[in-house]
Amino acid sequence: MAELDKGRLFGRSRRKNAAGARQKFYSVYVTPEEQVQLEARAAVREVTVPRLLFESAMVADVETDTDRKAAIVEMFEVRRLLASIANNANQLARFANTEGAFPAEAESIITEYRAIVPRLSAAIETLADA
């Protein structure tokens, strides 16, 4: 009986054969630099490049650059909205200081602020999980 390689978990670097064979084949083109990086990462984990790619892609919480960019765009939008709300609050404070009365519109500013903060928190959490 062949002795298992002590460096590999279960002695295999490639995936187990599928019953009935796999039905779909994907081809991925990479640059020479990307090829070196993929092969190095696969070698460190003692798996083949196709297995590395497959297992990396099948992780449930995969985050792409597109996901990260969307979260950043959301943060910029929230920042713009908060700047607008801050500007309105400054105008209301200036009015209150000069007229000696606090305008009724001030309550709407607080409502807007409270609606924006959860969006900001969600965007920050998305980026923090990256």
N, C-alpha and C. Protein backbone atom coordinates (compact mmCIF):
# COMPACT_ATOMS: atom_id res chain seq x y z
N MET A 1 0.84 -1.18 0.00
CA MET A 1 0.00 0.00 0.00
C MET A 1 0.89 1.24 0.00
N ALA A 2 0.50 2.24 -0.81
CA ALA A 2 1.31 3.45 -0.93
C ALA A 2 1.18 4.28 0.35
N GLU A 3 2.28 4.88 0.75
CA GLU A 3 2.30 5.71 1.95
C GLU A 3 1.80 7.11 1.59
N LEU A 4 0.95 7.69 2.43
CA LEU A 4 0.43 9.03 2.19
C LEU A 4 1.50 10.07 2.41
N ASP A 5 1.47 11.13 1.62
CA ASP A 5 2.37 12.25 1.80
C ASP A 5 1.96 12.98 3.08
N LYS A 6 2.87 13.08 4.04
CA LYS A 6 2.56 13.68 5.34
C LYS A 6 2.21 15.16 5.24
N GLY A 7 2.63 15.86 4.17
CA GLY A 7 2.39 17.28 4.04
C GLY A 7 0.99 17.61 3.55
N ARG A 8 0.25 16.62 3.01
CA ARG A 8 -1.07 16.89 2.46
C ARG A 8 -2.16 16.29 3.34
N LEU A 9 -3.23 17.02 3.45
CA LEU A 9 -4.39 16.52 4.17
C LEU A 9 -5.06 15.47 3.29
N PHE A 10 -5.20 14.28 3.75
CA PHE A 10 -5.81 13.15 3.04
C PHE A 10 -4.99 12.71 1.83
N GLY A 11 -3.80 13.23 1.63
CA GLY A 11 -2.90 12.76 0.58
C GLY A 11 -3.27 13.12 -0.83
N ARG A 12 -4.16 14.09 -1.06
CA ARG A 12 -4.57 14.47 -2.43
C ARG A 12 -4.36 15.96 -2.65
N SER A 13 -3.96 16.31 -3.87
CA SER A 13 -3.85 17.73 -4.21
C SER A 13 -4.98 18.15 -5.16
N ARG A 14 -5.66 17.17 -5.74
CA ARG A 14 -6.77 17.52 -6.62
C ARG A 14 -8.07 17.00 -6.03
N ARG A 15 -9.18 17.47 -6.58
CA ARG A 15 -10.48 17.06 -6.06
C ARG A 15 -10.79 15.62 -6.41
N LYS A 16 -11.67 15.05 -5.62
CA LYS A 16 -12.12 13.68 -5.84
C LYS A 16 -12.92 13.60 -7.14
N ASN A 17 -12.79 12.50 -7.86
CA ASN A 17 -13.57 12.32 -9.08
C ASN A 17 -15.06 12.35 -8.77
N ALA A 18 -15.82 12.96 -9.65
CA ALA A 18 -17.26 13.05 -9.47
C ALA A 18 -17.94 11.86 -10.12
N ALA A 19 -18.98 11.36 -9.49
CA ALA A 19 -19.74 10.25 -10.08
C ALA A 19 -20.41 10.75 -11.35
N GLY A 20 -20.21 10.04 -12.45
CA GLY A 20 -20.82 10.45 -13.71
C GLY A 20 -20.08 11.56 -14.42
N ALA A 21 -18.95 11.94 -13.93
CA ALA A 21 -18.10 12.99 -14.52
C ALA A 21 -18.72 14.37 -14.38
N ARG A 22 -17.89 15.35 -14.44
CA ARG A 22 -18.35 16.74 -14.37
C ARG A 22 -18.82 17.16 -15.76
N GLN A 23 -19.86 17.96 -15.80
CA GLN A 23 -20.51 18.28 -17.06
C GLN A 23 -20.04 19.58 -17.71
N LYS A 24 -19.38 20.44 -16.97
CA LYS A 24 -19.00 21.75 -17.49
C LYS A 24 -17.53 22.02 -17.22
N PHE A 25 -16.86 22.61 -18.19
CA PHE A 25 -15.45 22.96 -18.09
C PHE A 25 -15.32 24.45 -18.30
N TYR A 26 -14.57 25.14 -17.45
CA TYR A 26 -14.32 26.57 -17.58
C TYR A 26 -12.84 26.79 -17.87
N SER A 27 -12.57 27.73 -18.75
CA SER A 27 -11.21 28.08 -19.08
C SER A 27 -10.95 29.51 -18.62
N VAL A 28 -9.84 29.72 -17.94
CA VAL A 28 -9.52 31.04 -17.41
C VAL A 28 -8.18 31.47 -17.98
N TYR A 29 -8.16 32.66 -18.57
CA TYR A 29 -6.91 33.21 -19.10
C TYR A 29 -6.31 34.16 -18.08
N VAL A 30 -5.03 34.03 -17.85
CA VAL A 30 -4.33 34.88 -16.88
C VAL A 30 -3.04 35.40 -17.52
N THR A 31 -2.54 36.48 -16.96
CA THR A 31 -1.25 37.02 -17.41
C THR A 31 -0.14 36.15 -16.82
N PRO A 32 1.06 36.27 -17.34
CA PRO A 32 2.17 35.51 -16.74
C PRO A 32 2.38 35.82 -15.25
N GLU A 33 2.18 37.08 -14.86
CA GLU A 33 2.32 37.44 -13.44
C GLU A 33 1.23 36.78 -12.60
N GLU A 34 -0.01 36.78 -13.12
CA GLU A 34 -1.10 36.13 -12.40
C GLU A 34 -0.87 34.62 -12.31
N GLN A 35 -0.32 34.04 -13.36
CA GLN A 35 -0.02 32.61 -13.36
C GLN A 35 0.96 32.27 -12.24
N VAL A 36 2.00 33.08 -12.11
CA VAL A 36 3.00 32.85 -11.06
C VAL A 36 2.34 32.96 -9.68
N GLN A 37 1.49 33.96 -9.50
CA GLN A 37 0.83 34.14 -8.21
C GLN A 37 -0.10 32.96 -7.90
N LEU A 38 -0.89 32.54 -8.88
CA LEU A 38 -1.79 31.41 -8.67
C LEU A 38 -1.02 30.13 -8.34
N GLU A 39 0.03 29.87 -9.10
CA GLU A 39 0.81 28.66 -8.86
C GLU A 39 1.49 28.69 -7.49
N ALA A 40 1.95 29.87 -7.08
CA ALA A 40 2.58 29.99 -5.76
C ALA A 40 1.56 29.75 -4.65
N ARG A 41 0.37 30.33 -4.78
CA ARG A 41 -0.67 30.13 -3.77
C ARG A 41 -1.12 28.68 -3.71
N ALA A 42 -1.23 28.06 -4.87
CA ALA A 42 -1.62 26.65 -4.90
C ALA A 42 -0.53 25.78 -4.27
N ALA A 43 0.72 26.11 -4.54
CA ALA A 43 1.84 25.32 -3.99
C ALA A 43 1.88 25.43 -2.47
N VAL A 44 1.64 26.61 -1.94
CA VAL A 44 1.63 26.80 -0.49
C VAL A 44 0.56 25.93 0.16
N ARG A 45 -0.58 25.82 -0.50
CA ARG A 45 -1.69 25.03 0.04
C ARG A 45 -1.64 23.56 -0.38
N GLU A 46 -0.63 23.25 -1.21
CA GLU A 46 -0.43 21.90 -1.72
C GLU A 46 -1.66 21.37 -2.45
N VAL A 47 -2.22 22.21 -3.32
CA VAL A 47 -3.34 21.83 -4.18
C VAL A 47 -3.02 22.28 -5.60
N THR A 48 -3.83 21.82 -6.54
CA THR A 48 -3.66 22.26 -7.92
C THR A 48 -4.30 23.64 -8.09
N VAL A 49 -3.92 24.33 -9.15
CA VAL A 49 -4.51 25.65 -9.42
C VAL A 49 -6.02 25.52 -9.65
N PRO A 50 -6.52 24.55 -10.45
CA PRO A 50 -7.97 24.43 -10.61
C PRO A 50 -8.69 24.21 -9.28
N ARG A 51 -8.11 23.40 -8.40
CA ARG A 51 -8.75 23.17 -7.10
C ARG A 51 -8.74 24.45 -6.27
N LEU A 52 -7.65 25.19 -6.29
CA LEU A 52 -7.57 26.46 -5.58
C LEU A 52 -8.65 27.43 -6.07
N LEU A 53 -8.78 27.55 -7.38
CA LEU A 53 -9.78 28.46 -7.95
C LEU A 53 -11.19 28.01 -7.59
N PHE A 54 -11.46 26.72 -7.71
CA PHE A 54 -12.79 26.20 -7.42
C PHE A 54 -13.16 26.43 -5.96
N GLU A 55 -12.27 26.03 -5.06
CA GLU A 55 -12.58 26.17 -3.64
C GLU A 55 -12.67 27.63 -3.21
N SER A 56 -11.87 28.49 -3.80
CA SER A 56 -11.95 29.92 -3.49
C SER A 56 -13.28 30.50 -3.94
N ALA A 57 -13.73 30.07 -5.11
CA ALA A 57 -14.99 30.59 -5.66
C ALA A 57 -16.21 30.04 -4.94
N MET A 58 -16.11 28.87 -4.34
CA MET A 58 -17.27 28.25 -3.71
C MET A 58 -17.48 28.68 -2.26
N VAL A 59 -16.61 29.50 -1.72
CA VAL A 59 -16.79 30.01 -0.37
C VAL A 59 -18.04 30.88 -0.36
N ALA A 60 -18.88 30.70 0.64
CA ALA A 60 -20.17 31.39 0.67
C ALA A 60 -20.05 32.91 0.77
N ASP A 61 -19.08 33.41 1.49
CA ASP A 61 -18.99 34.85 1.73
C ASP A 61 -17.92 35.51 0.87
N VAL A 62 -17.89 35.16 -0.41
CA VAL A 62 -16.94 35.76 -1.33
C VAL A 62 -17.32 37.21 -1.57
N GLU A 63 -16.34 38.09 -1.51
CA GLU A 63 -16.57 39.49 -1.80
C GLU A 63 -15.73 39.88 -3.00
N THR A 64 -16.38 40.47 -3.98
CA THR A 64 -15.67 40.88 -5.18
C THR A 64 -15.30 42.35 -5.11
N ASP A 65 -14.46 42.79 -6.03
CA ASP A 65 -14.13 44.21 -6.11
C ASP A 65 -15.39 45.03 -6.38
N THR A 66 -16.32 44.47 -7.15
CA THR A 66 -17.57 45.16 -7.45
C THR A 66 -18.37 45.40 -6.17
N ASP A 67 -18.42 44.40 -5.29
CA ASP A 67 -19.12 44.57 -4.00
C ASP A 67 -18.47 45.67 -3.17
N ARG A 68 -17.15 45.66 -3.12
CA ARG A 68 -16.41 46.65 -2.34
C ARG A 68 -16.62 48.06 -2.92
N LYS A 69 -16.58 48.17 -4.24
CA LYS A 69 -16.78 49.48 -4.88
C LYS A 69 -18.19 49.99 -4.63
N ALA A 70 -19.18 49.10 -4.64
CA ALA A 70 -20.56 49.51 -4.36
C ALA A 70 -20.68 50.05 -2.94
N ALA A 71 -20.01 49.41 -1.99
CA ALA A 71 -20.05 49.89 -0.60
C ALA A 71 -19.38 51.25 -0.49
N ILE A 72 -18.29 51.45 -1.21
CA ILE A 72 -17.60 52.75 -1.18
C ILE A 72 -18.47 53.83 -1.80
N VAL A 73 -19.13 53.51 -2.91
CA VAL A 73 -20.04 54.47 -3.55
C VAL A 73 -21.15 54.85 -2.57
N GLU A 74 -21.69 53.86 -1.86
CA GLU A 74 -22.74 54.13 -0.87
C GLU A 74 -22.21 55.05 0.23
N MET A 75 -20.98 54.83 0.69
CA MET A 75 -20.41 55.69 1.73
C MET A 75 -20.25 57.13 1.23
N PHE A 76 -19.82 57.29 -0.02
CA PHE A 76 -19.69 58.65 -0.56
C PHE A 76 -21.06 59.33 -0.67
N GLU A 77 -22.08 58.57 -1.07
CA GLU A 77 -23.43 59.13 -1.15
C GLU A 77 -23.93 59.54 0.22
N VAL A 78 -23.71 58.70 1.22
CA VAL A 78 -24.13 59.02 2.58
C VAL A 78 -23.36 60.23 3.11
N ARG A 79 -22.07 60.30 2.79
CA ARG A 79 -21.28 61.46 3.22
C ARG A 79 -21.82 62.75 2.62
N ARG A 80 -22.20 62.69 1.34
CA ARG A 80 -22.77 63.87 0.68
C ARG A 80 -24.09 64.27 1.35
N LEU A 81 -24.92 63.29 1.64
CA LEU A 81 -26.19 63.58 2.31
C LEU A 81 -25.98 64.15 3.70
N LEU A 82 -25.02 63.59 4.45
CA LEU A 82 -24.74 64.13 5.79
C LEU A 82 -24.20 65.55 5.72
N ALA A 83 -23.39 65.84 4.71
CA ALA A 83 -22.89 67.22 4.54
C ALA A 83 -24.05 68.17 4.26
N SER A 84 -25.00 67.71 3.47
CA SER A 84 -26.18 68.53 3.17
C SER A 84 -27.01 68.78 4.43
N ILE A 85 -27.18 67.73 5.22
CA ILE A 85 -27.93 67.87 6.47
C ILE A 85 -27.20 68.80 7.43
N ALA A 86 -25.89 68.69 7.51
CA ALA A 86 -25.11 69.56 8.39
C ALA A 86 -25.23 71.02 7.95
N ASN A 87 -25.22 71.24 6.64
CA ASN A 87 -25.39 72.60 6.12
C ASN A 87 -26.76 73.15 6.52
N ASN A 88 -27.80 72.32 6.38
CA ASN A 88 -29.15 72.77 6.77
C ASN A 88 -29.21 73.06 8.26
N ALA A 89 -28.56 72.22 9.07
CA ALA A 89 -28.57 72.44 10.52
C ALA A 89 -27.86 73.76 10.86
N ASN A 90 -26.77 74.05 10.17
CA ASN A 90 -26.07 75.33 10.41
C ASN A 90 -26.94 76.52 10.04
N GLN A 91 -27.67 76.41 8.94
CA GLN A 91 -28.56 77.50 8.54
C GLN A 91 -29.67 77.71 9.56
N LEU A 92 -30.23 76.59 10.06
CA LEU A 92 -31.29 76.69 11.07
C LEU A 92 -30.75 77.28 12.38
N ALA A 93 -29.53 76.90 12.76
CA ALA A 93 -28.92 77.45 13.98
C ALA A 93 -28.66 78.94 13.82
N ARG A 94 -28.18 79.34 12.65
CA ARG A 94 -27.94 80.77 12.40
C ARG A 94 -29.26 81.55 12.49
N PHE A 95 -30.32 80.98 11.89
CA PHE A 95 -31.64 81.62 11.95
C PHE A 95 -32.12 81.73 13.39
N ALA A 96 -31.95 80.63 14.15
CA ALA A 96 -32.40 80.63 15.55
C ALA A 96 -31.64 81.66 16.37
N ASN A 97 -30.33 81.82 16.10
CA ASN A 97 -29.54 82.79 16.85
C ASN A 97 -29.91 84.22 16.51
N THR A 98 -30.20 84.50 15.25
CA THR A 98 -30.53 85.88 14.87
C THR A 98 -31.97 86.25 15.18
N GLU A 99 -32.90 85.32 15.04
CA GLU A 99 -34.32 85.62 15.25
C GLU A 99 -34.79 85.32 16.66
N GLY A 100 -34.02 84.51 17.38
CA GLY A 100 -34.41 84.18 18.76
C GLY A 100 -35.51 83.12 18.82
N ALA A 101 -35.79 82.47 17.70
CA ALA A 101 -36.82 81.41 17.68
C ALA A 101 -36.29 80.22 16.89
N PHE A 102 -36.63 79.03 17.36
CA PHE A 102 -36.18 77.82 16.68
C PHE A 102 -37.25 77.41 15.68
N PRO A 103 -36.90 77.27 14.39
CA PRO A 103 -37.90 76.97 13.37
C PRO A 103 -38.45 75.54 13.48
N ALA A 104 -39.66 75.36 13.01
CA ALA A 104 -40.31 74.05 13.05
C ALA A 104 -39.64 73.05 12.11
N GLU A 105 -38.95 73.55 11.09
CA GLU A 105 -38.29 72.66 10.12
C GLU A 105 -37.13 71.89 10.73
N ALA A 106 -36.69 72.28 11.90
CA ALA A 106 -35.54 71.62 12.53
C ALA A 106 -35.82 70.15 12.82
N GLU A 107 -37.05 69.81 13.12
CA GLU A 107 -37.39 68.41 13.40
C GLU A 107 -37.17 67.53 12.18
N SER A 108 -37.41 68.05 10.99
CA SER A 108 -37.20 67.25 9.77
C SER A 108 -35.71 66.94 9.56
N ILE A 109 -34.84 67.84 9.99
CA ILE A 109 -33.40 67.61 9.88
C ILE A 109 -33.00 66.41 10.73
N ILE A 110 -33.52 66.34 11.93
CA ILE A 110 -33.20 65.22 12.82
C ILE A 110 -33.72 63.91 12.23
N THR A 111 -34.90 63.94 11.64
CA THR A 111 -35.47 62.74 11.01
C THR A 111 -34.60 62.28 9.85
N GLU A 112 -34.15 63.22 9.02
CA GLU A 112 -33.27 62.88 7.89
C GLU A 112 -31.97 62.26 8.40
N TYR A 113 -31.40 62.86 9.43
CA TYR A 113 -30.15 62.36 9.99
C TYR A 113 -30.32 60.93 10.50
N ARG A 114 -31.39 60.69 11.23
CA ARG A 114 -31.63 59.35 11.78
C ARG A 114 -31.86 58.32 10.67
N ALA A 115 -32.35 58.73 9.54
CA ALA A 115 -32.56 57.81 8.42
C ALA A 115 -31.24 57.50 7.70
N ILE A 116 -30.31 58.44 7.71
CA ILE A 116 -29.04 58.28 6.99
C ILE A 116 -28.04 57.44 7.77
N VAL A 117 -28.00 57.57 9.07
CA VAL A 117 -26.98 56.89 9.88
C VAL A 117 -26.98 55.37 9.69
N PRO A 118 -28.13 54.68 9.65
CA PRO A 118 -28.08 53.24 9.42
C PRO A 118 -27.46 52.86 8.07
N ARG A 119 -27.68 53.68 7.05
CA ARG A 119 -27.05 53.42 5.74
C ARG A 119 -25.53 53.52 5.86
N LEU A 120 -25.07 54.52 6.58
CA LEU A 120 -23.63 54.68 6.79
C LEU A 120 -23.07 53.49 7.57
N SER A 121 -23.75 53.09 8.61
CA SER A 121 -23.30 51.95 9.41
C SER A 121 -23.23 50.68 8.57
N ALA A 122 -24.23 50.45 7.72
CA ALA A 122 -24.24 49.25 6.87
C ALA A 122 -23.08 49.27 5.88
N ALA A 123 -22.81 50.42 5.30
CA ALA A 123 -21.70 50.53 4.34
C ALA A 123 -20.36 50.30 5.04
N ILE A 124 -20.21 50.83 6.23
CA ILE A 124 -18.96 50.63 6.99
C ILE A 124 -18.79 49.16 7.34
N GLU A 125 -19.87 48.50 7.77
CA GLU A 125 -19.78 47.08 8.11
C GLU A 125 -19.42 46.25 6.88
N THR A 126 -19.95 46.61 5.73
CA THR A 126 -19.62 45.88 4.49
C THR A 126 -18.13 45.98 4.21
N LEU A 127 -17.57 47.16 4.34
CA LEU A 127 -16.14 47.33 4.11
C LEU A 127 -15.31 46.70 5.21
N ALA A 128 -15.78 46.72 6.43
CA ALA A 128 -15.03 46.13 7.53
C ALA A 128 -14.92 44.62 7.40
N ASP A 129 -15.94 44.00 6.80
CA ASP A 129 -15.94 42.54 6.62
C ASP A 129 -15.03 42.14 5.47
N ALA A 130 -14.54 43.11 4.69
CA ALA A 130 -13.71 42.80 3.53
C ALA A 130 -12.37 42.25 3.92
